[in-house]
């Protein structure tokens, strides 16, 4: 299966306010992206899934990628 590049936008509860986030990730489908977001925020920041709101998941082209790590991965 071929992986796609997705841009995820949303917000997460930090303290008493929501903080916006934008992440670019590679995955096969949107369900995998959701799981990666929940897993990443949970393991790195200790945020529960119920405190993360994913507002938008868009597939993007290689030309639209802004994250330097993802750019390096797709250039290999």
PDB file of N, CA and C in Angstrom:
ATOM      1  N   UNK A   1       0.836  -1.184   0.000  1.00  0.00           N
ATOM      2  CA  UNK A   1       0.000   0.000   0.000  1.00  0.00           C
ATOM      3  C   UNK A   1       0.880   1.246   0.000  1.00  0.00           C
ATOM      4  N   UNK A   2       0.415   2.231  -0.677  1.00  0.00           N
ATOM      5  CA  UNK A   2       1.173   3.468  -0.788  1.00  0.00           C
ATOM      6  C   UNK A   2       0.761   4.449   0.311  1.00  0.00           C
ATOM      7  N   UNK A   3       1.759   5.064   0.929  1.00  0.00           N
ATOM      8  CA  UNK A   3       1.453   6.053   1.962  1.00  0.00           C
ATOM      9  C   UNK A   3       1.152   7.405   1.327  1.00  0.00           C
ATOM     10  N   UNK A   4       0.356   8.166   2.035  1.00  0.00           N
ATOM     11  CA  UNK A   4      -0.022   9.509   1.608  1.00  0.00           C
ATOM     12  C   UNK A   4       0.451  10.485   2.677  1.00  0.00           C
ATOM     13  N   UNK A   5       0.476  11.746   2.334  1.00  0.00           N
ATOM     14  CA  UNK A   5       0.867  12.785   3.286  1.00  0.00           C
ATOM     15  C   UNK A   5      -0.389  13.560   3.671  1.00  0.00           C
ATOM     16  N   UNK A   6      -0.565  13.738   4.972  1.00  0.00           N
ATOM     17  CA  UNK A   6      -1.742  14.428   5.486  1.00  0.00           C
ATOM     18  C   UNK A   6      -1.321  15.601   6.366  1.00  0.00           C
ATOM     19  N   UNK A   7      -2.101  16.660   6.313  1.00  0.00           N
ATOM     20  CA  UNK A   7      -1.949  17.791   7.246  1.00  0.00           C
ATOM     21  C   UNK A   7      -3.145  17.736   8.196  1.00  0.00           C
ATOM     22  N   UNK A   8      -2.831  17.708   9.487  1.00  0.00           N
ATOM     23  CA  UNK A   8      -3.860  17.599  10.523  1.00  0.00           C
ATOM     24  C   UNK A   8      -3.887  18.897  11.309  1.00  0.00           C
ATOM     25  N   UNK A   9      -5.081  19.441  11.475  1.00  0.00           N
ATOM     26  CA  UNK A   9      -5.258  20.652  12.269  1.00  0.00           C
ATOM     27  C   UNK A   9      -6.276  20.374  13.358  1.00  0.00           C
ATOM     28  N   UNK A  10      -6.002  20.942  14.511  1.00  0.00           N
ATOM     29  CA  UNK A  10      -6.915  20.745  15.624  1.00  0.00           C
ATOM     30  C   UNK A  10      -6.474  21.535  16.823  1.00  0.00           C
ATOM     31  N   UNK A  11      -6.937  21.106  17.993  1.00  0.00           N
ATOM     32  CA  UNK A  11      -6.570  21.779  19.229  1.00  0.00           C
ATOM     33  C   UNK A  11      -6.572  20.770  20.361  1.00  0.00           C
ATOM     34  N   UNK A  12      -5.815  21.076  21.406  1.00  0.00           N
ATOM     35  CA  UNK A  12      -5.753  20.195  22.565  1.00  0.00           C
ATOM     36  C   UNK A  12      -5.810  21.038  23.825  1.00  0.00           C
ATOM     37  N   UNK A  13      -6.335  20.448  24.872  1.00  0.00           N
ATOM     38  CA  UNK A  13      -6.506  21.154  26.135  1.00  0.00           C
ATOM     39  C   UNK A  13      -5.202  21.116  26.917  1.00  0.00           C
ATOM     40  N   UNK A  14      -4.660  22.305  27.167  1.00  0.00           N
ATOM     41  CA  UNK A  14      -3.465  22.438  27.992  1.00  0.00           C
ATOM     42  C   UNK A  14      -3.814  23.396  29.118  1.00  0.00           C
ATOM     43  N   UNK A  15      -3.860  22.874  30.319  1.00  0.00           N
ATOM     44  CA  UNK A  15      -4.303  23.698  31.436  1.00  0.00           C
ATOM     45  C   UNK A  15      -5.795  23.942  31.315  1.00  0.00           C
ATOM     46  N   UNK A  16      -6.149  25.223  31.259  1.00  0.00           N
ATOM     47  CA  UNK A  16      -7.569  25.571  31.155  1.00  0.00           C
ATOM     48  C   UNK A  16      -7.964  26.100  29.783  1.00  0.00           C
ATOM     49  N   UNK A  17      -7.023  26.095  28.835  1.00  0.00           N
ATOM     50  CA  UNK A  17      -7.344  26.623  27.511  1.00  0.00           C
ATOM     51  C   UNK A  17      -6.896  25.653  26.420  1.00  0.00           C
ATOM     52  N   UNK A  18      -7.540  25.786  25.265  1.00  0.00           N
ATOM     53  CA  UNK A  18      -7.188  24.968  24.122  1.00  0.00           C
ATOM     54  C   UNK A  18      -6.084  25.646  23.330  1.00  0.00           C
ATOM     55  N   UNK A  19      -5.099  24.848  22.907  1.00  0.00           N
ATOM     56  CA  UNK A  19      -3.982  25.328  22.093  1.00  0.00           C
ATOM     57  C   UNK A  19      -4.098  24.693  20.717  1.00  0.00           C
ATOM     58  N   UNK A  20      -3.958  25.489  19.655  1.00  0.00           N
ATOM     59  CA  UNK A  20      -4.062  24.939  18.304  1.00  0.00           C
ATOM     60  C   UNK A  20      -2.791  24.166  17.921  1.00  0.00           C
ATOM     61  N   UNK A  21      -2.951  23.209  17.011  1.00  0.00           N
ATOM     62  CA  UNK A  21      -1.797  22.502  16.470  1.00  0.00           C
ATOM     63  C   UNK A  21      -2.019  22.199  15.000  1.00  0.00           C
ATOM     64  N   UNK A  22      -0.912  22.076  14.283  1.00  0.00           N
ATOM     65  CA  UNK A  22      -0.903  21.618  12.902  1.00  0.00           C
ATOM     66  C   UNK A  22       0.261  20.646  12.773  1.00  0.00           C
ATOM     67  N   UNK A  23      -0.010  19.467  12.259  1.00  0.00           N
ATOM     68  CA  UNK A  23       1.029  18.459  12.089  1.00  0.00           C
ATOM     69  C   UNK A  23       0.894  17.861  10.690  1.00  0.00           C
ATOM     70  N   UNK A  24       2.025  17.504  10.122  1.00  0.00           N
ATOM     71  CA  UNK A  24       2.055  16.789   8.854  1.00  0.00           C
ATOM     72  C   UNK A  24       2.616  15.402   9.119  1.00  0.00           C
ATOM     73  N   UNK A  25       1.909  14.392   8.620  1.00  0.00           N
ATOM     74  CA  UNK A  25       2.280  13.003   8.869  1.00  0.00           C
ATOM     75  C   UNK A  25       2.065  12.168   7.621  1.00  0.00           C
ATOM     76  N   UNK A  26       2.782  11.048   7.551  1.00  0.00           N
ATOM     77  CA  UNK A  26       2.583  10.076   6.480  1.00  0.00           C
ATOM     78  C   UNK A  26       1.800   8.898   7.031  1.00  0.00           C
ATOM     79  N   UNK A  27       0.829   8.432   6.262  1.00  0.00           N
ATOM     80  CA  UNK A  27       0.041   7.267   6.654  1.00  0.00           C
ATOM     81  C   UNK A  27      -0.694   6.735   5.431  1.00  0.00           C
ATOM     82  N   UNK A  28      -1.332   5.610   5.627  1.00  0.00           N
ATOM     83  CA  UNK A  28      -2.081   4.983   4.534  1.00  0.00           C
ATOM     84  C   UNK A  28      -3.474   5.592   4.409  1.00  0.00           C
ATOM     85  N   UNK A  29      -4.102   5.911   5.568  1.00  0.00           N
ATOM     86  CA  UNK A  29      -5.451   6.471   5.518  1.00  0.00           C
ATOM     87  C   UNK A  29      -5.704   7.379   6.723  1.00  0.00           C
ATOM     88  N   UNK A  30      -6.870   8.003   6.760  1.00  0.00           N
ATOM     89  CA  UNK A  30      -7.198   8.967   7.812  1.00  0.00           C
ATOM     90  C   UNK A  30      -7.335   8.313   9.186  1.00  0.00           C
ATOM     91  N   UNK A  31      -7.787   7.068   9.235  1.00  0.00           N
ATOM     92  CA  UNK A  31      -7.903   6.386  10.526  1.00  0.00           C
ATOM     93  C   UNK A  31      -6.528   6.208  11.169  1.00  0.00           C
ATOM     94  N   UNK A  32      -5.529   5.877  10.352  1.00  0.00           N
ATOM     95  CA  UNK A  32      -4.161   5.754  10.863  1.00  0.00           C
ATOM     96  C   UNK A  32      -3.643   7.099  11.372  1.00  0.00           C
ATOM     97  N   UNK A  33      -3.987   8.159  10.683  1.00  0.00           N
ATOM     98  CA  UNK A  33      -3.562   9.502  11.095  1.00  0.00           C
ATOM     99  C   UNK A  33      -4.160   9.844  12.454  1.00  0.00           C
ATOM    100  N   UNK A  34      -5.434   9.587  12.634  1.00  0.00           N
ATOM    101  CA  UNK A  34      -6.071   9.876  13.924  1.00  0.00           C
ATOM    102  C   UNK A  34      -5.379   9.120  15.046  1.00  0.00           C
ATOM    103  N   UNK A  35      -5.109   7.857  14.824  1.00  0.00           N
ATOM    104  CA  UNK A  35      -4.452   7.043  15.846  1.00  0.00           C
ATOM    105  C   UNK A  35      -3.047   7.581  16.159  1.00  0.00           C
ATOM    106  N   UNK A  36      -2.327   8.007  15.125  1.00  0.00           N
ATOM    107  CA  UNK A  36      -0.986   8.562  15.336  1.00  0.00           C
ATOM    108  C   UNK A  36      -1.040   9.851  16.153  1.00  0.00           C
ATOM    109  N   UNK A  37      -2.012  10.702  15.873  1.00  0.00           N
ATOM    110  CA  UNK A  37      -2.148  11.962  16.621  1.00  0.00           C
ATOM    111  C   UNK A  37      -2.432  11.669  18.088  1.00  0.00           C
ATOM    112  N   UNK A  38      -3.423  10.825  18.357  1.00  0.00           N
ATOM    113  CA  UNK A  38      -3.764  10.492  19.743  1.00  0.00           C
ATOM    114  C   UNK A  38      -2.579   9.859  20.467  1.00  0.00           C
ATOM    115  N   UNK A  39      -1.906   8.949  19.812  1.00  0.00           N
ATOM    116  CA  UNK A  39      -0.766   8.256  20.398  1.00  0.00           C
ATOM    117  C   UNK A  39       0.387   9.211  20.682  1.00  0.00           C
ATOM    118  N   UNK A  40       0.677  10.078  19.722  1.00  0.00           N
ATOM    119  CA  UNK A  40       1.785  11.030  19.852  1.00  0.00           C
ATOM    120  C   UNK A  40       1.558  12.014  21.005  1.00  0.00           C
ATOM    121  N   UNK A  41       0.390  12.630  21.035  1.00  0.00           N
ATOM    122  CA  UNK A  41       0.093  13.591  22.105  1.00  0.00           C
ATOM    123  C   UNK A  41       0.038  12.898  23.467  1.00  0.00           C
ATOM    124  N   UNK A  42      -0.480  11.680  23.491  1.00  0.00           N
ATOM    125  CA  UNK A  42      -0.558  10.947  24.749  1.00  0.00           C
ATOM    126  C   UNK A  42       0.801  10.568  25.285  1.00  0.00           C
ATOM    127  N   UNK A  43       1.672  10.077  24.416  1.00  0.00           N
ATOM    128  CA  UNK A  43       2.978   9.623  24.889  1.00  0.00           C
ATOM    129  C   UNK A  43       3.937  10.776  25.180  1.00  0.00           C
ATOM    130  N   UNK A  44       3.936  11.802  24.360  1.00  0.00           N
ATOM    131  CA  UNK A  44       4.880  12.910  24.543  1.00  0.00           C
ATOM    132  C   UNK A  44       4.414  13.935  25.564  1.00  0.00           C
ATOM    133  N   UNK A  45       3.098  14.159  25.644  1.00  0.00           N
ATOM    134  CA  UNK A  45       2.588  15.247  26.476  1.00  0.00           C
ATOM    135  C   UNK A  45       1.639  14.790  27.580  1.00  0.00           C
ATOM    136  N   UNK A  46       1.309  13.500  27.594  1.00  0.00           N
ATOM    137  CA  UNK A  46       0.417  12.983  28.622  1.00  0.00           C
ATOM    138  C   UNK A  46      -1.017  13.479  28.501  1.00  0.00           C
ATOM    139  N   UNK A  47      -1.439  13.803  27.283  1.00  0.00           N
ATOM    140  CA  UNK A  47      -2.790  14.326  27.060  1.00  0.00           C
ATOM    141  C   UNK A  47      -3.722  13.182  26.693  1.00  0.00           C
ATOM    142  N   UNK A  48      -4.862  13.116  27.337  1.00  0.00           N
ATOM    143  CA  UNK A  48      -5.840  12.068  27.056  1.00  0.00           C
ATOM    144  C   UNK A  48      -6.541  12.342  25.722  1.00  0.00           C
ATOM    145  N   UNK A  49      -6.989  11.283  25.098  1.00  0.00           N
ATOM    146  CA  UNK A  49      -7.657  11.399  23.798  1.00  0.00           C
ATOM    147  C   UNK A  49      -8.870  12.316  23.839  1.00  0.00           C
ATOM    148  N   UNK A  50      -9.571  12.324  24.947  1.00  0.00           N
ATOM    149  CA  UNK A  50     -10.771  13.157  25.064  1.00  0.00           C
ATOM    150  C   UNK A  50     -10.441  14.647  25.106  1.00  0.00           C
ATOM    151  N   UNK A  51      -9.176  14.995  25.326  1.00  0.00           N
ATOM    152  CA  UNK A  51      -8.748  16.396  25.398  1.00  0.00           C
ATOM    153  C   UNK A  51      -8.150  16.878  24.077  1.00  0.00           C
ATOM    154  N   UNK A  52      -8.196  16.024  23.052  1.00  0.00           N
ATOM    155  CA  UNK A  52      -7.664  16.363  21.727  1.00  0.00           C
ATOM    156  C   UNK A  52      -8.823  16.437  20.748  1.00  0.00           C
ATOM    157  N   UNK A  53      -8.919  17.546  20.047  1.00  0.00           N
ATOM    158  CA  UNK A  53      -9.976  17.736  19.054  1.00  0.00           C
ATOM    159  C   UNK A  53      -9.321  17.870  17.680  1.00  0.00           C
ATOM    160  N   UNK A  54      -9.568  16.894  16.824  1.00  0.00           N
ATOM    161  CA  UNK A  54      -9.062  16.945  15.456  1.00  0.00           C
ATOM    162  C   UNK A  54     -10.137  17.625  14.616  1.00  0.00           C
ATOM    163  N   UNK A  55      -9.793  18.787  14.072  1.00  0.00           N
ATOM    164  CA  UNK A  55     -10.775  19.570  13.316  1.00  0.00           C
ATOM    165  C   UNK A  55     -10.740  19.267  11.824  1.00  0.00           C
ATOM    166  N   UNK A  56      -9.556  18.990  11.306  1.00  0.00           N
ATOM    167  CA  UNK A  56      -9.433  18.840   9.858  1.00  0.00           C
ATOM    168  C   UNK A  56      -8.277  17.899   9.533  1.00  0.00           C
ATOM    169  N   UNK A  57      -8.493  16.991   8.591  1.00  0.00           N
ATOM    170  CA  UNK A  57      -7.443  16.139   8.043  1.00  0.00           C
ATOM    171  C   UNK A  57      -7.518  16.274   6.534  1.00  0.00           C
ATOM    172  N   UNK A  58      -6.453  16.792   5.935  1.00  0.00           N
ATOM    173  CA  UNK A  58      -6.417  16.984   4.487  1.00  0.00           C
ATOM    174  C   UNK A  58      -5.229  16.254   3.896  1.00  0.00           C
ATOM    175  N   UNK A  59      -5.456  15.558   2.798  1.00  0.00           N
ATOM    176  CA  UNK A  59      -4.333  14.982   2.073  1.00  0.00           C
ATOM    177  C   UNK A  59      -3.656  16.111   1.300  1.00  0.00           C
ATOM    178  N   UNK A  60      -2.321  16.147   1.348  1.00  0.00           N
ATOM    179  CA  UNK A  60      -1.584  17.207   0.654  1.00  0.00           C
ATOM    180  C   UNK A  60      -0.568  16.585  -0.302  1.00  0.00           C
ATOM    181  N   UNK A  61      -0.140  17.382  -1.280  1.00  0.00           N
ATOM    182  CA  UNK A  61       0.855  16.910  -2.243  1.00  0.00           C
ATOM    183  C   UNK A  61       2.257  17.118  -1.675  1.00  0.00           C
ATOM    184  N   UNK A  62       3.230  16.512  -2.307  1.00  0.00           N
ATOM    185  CA  UNK A  62       4.624  16.655  -1.882  1.00  0.00           C
ATOM    186  C   UNK A  62       5.067  18.115  -1.915  1.00  0.00           C
ATOM    187  N   UNK A  63       4.533  18.879  -2.843  1.00  0.00           N
ATOM    188  CA  UNK A  63       4.912  20.291  -2.978  1.00  0.00           C
ATOM    189  C   UNK A  63       4.386  21.156  -1.844  1.00  0.00           C
ATOM    190  N   UNK A  64       3.332  20.723  -1.186  1.00  0.00           N
ATOM    191  CA  UNK A  64       2.723  21.504  -0.111  1.00  0.00           C
ATOM    192  C   UNK A  64       3.343  21.235   1.262  1.00  0.00           C
ATOM    193  N   UNK A  65       4.206  20.237   1.364  1.00  0.00           N
ATOM    194  CA  UNK A  65       4.790  19.860   2.652  1.00  0.00           C
ATOM    195  C   UNK A  65       5.683  20.971   3.182  1.00  0.00           C
ATOM    196  N   UNK A  66       5.489  21.306   4.464  1.00  0.00           N
ATOM    197  CA  UNK A  66       6.295  22.335   5.116  1.00  0.00           C
ATOM    198  C   UNK A  66       7.210  21.757   6.194  1.00  0.00           C
ATOM    199  N   UNK A  67       6.844  20.625   6.768  1.00  0.00           N
ATOM    200  CA  UNK A  67       7.613  19.997   7.834  1.00  0.00           C
ATOM    201  C   UNK A  67       8.928  19.434   7.269  1.00  0.00           C
ATOM    202  N   UNK A  68      10.084  19.882   7.800  1.00  0.00           N
ATOM    203  CA  UNK A  68      11.369  19.435   7.255  1.00  0.00           C
ATOM    204  C   UNK A  68      11.614  17.924   7.418  1.00  0.00           C
ATOM    205  N   UNK A  69      11.075  17.321   8.453  1.00  0.00           N
ATOM    206  CA  UNK A  69      11.249  15.882   8.653  1.00  0.00           C
ATOM    207  C   UNK A  69      10.495  15.103   7.584  1.00  0.00           C
ATOM    208  N   UNK A  70       9.273  15.499   7.310  1.00  0.00           N
ATOM    209  CA  UNK A  70       8.469  14.832   6.270  1.00  0.00           C
ATOM    210  C   UNK A  70       9.100  15.063   4.900  1.00  0.00           C
ATOM    211  N   UNK A  71       9.608  16.272   4.644  1.00  0.00           N
ATOM    212  CA  UNK A  71      10.289  16.551   3.366  1.00  0.00           C
ATOM    213  C   UNK A  71      11.461  15.617   3.174  1.00  0.00           C
ATOM    214  N   UNK A  72      12.233  15.414   4.220  1.00  0.00           N
ATOM    215  CA  UNK A  72      13.394  14.524   4.126  1.00  0.00           C
ATOM    216  C   UNK A  72      12.959  13.087   3.862  1.00  0.00           C
ATOM    217  N   UNK A  73      11.860  12.663   4.467  1.00  0.00           N
ATOM    218  CA  UNK A  73      11.374  11.306   4.256  1.00  0.00           C
ATOM    219  C   UNK A  73      10.899  11.072   2.822  1.00  0.00           C
ATOM    220  N   UNK A  74      10.258  12.059   2.226  1.00  0.00           N
ATOM    221  CA  UNK A  74       9.717  11.855   0.876  1.00  0.00           C
ATOM    222  C   UNK A  74      10.774  12.047  -0.205  1.00  0.00           C
ATOM    223  N   UNK A  75      11.901  12.657   0.135  1.00  0.00           N
ATOM    224  CA  UNK A  75      12.950  12.864  -0.851  1.00  0.00           C
ATOM    225  C   UNK A  75      13.864  11.649  -0.993  1.00  0.00           C
ATOM    226  N   UNK A  76      13.719  10.680  -0.099  1.00  0.00           N
ATOM    227  CA  UNK A  76      14.573   9.487  -0.174  1.00  0.00           C
ATOM    228  C   UNK A  76      14.198   8.620  -1.328  1.00  0.00           C
TER     229      UNK A  76
END
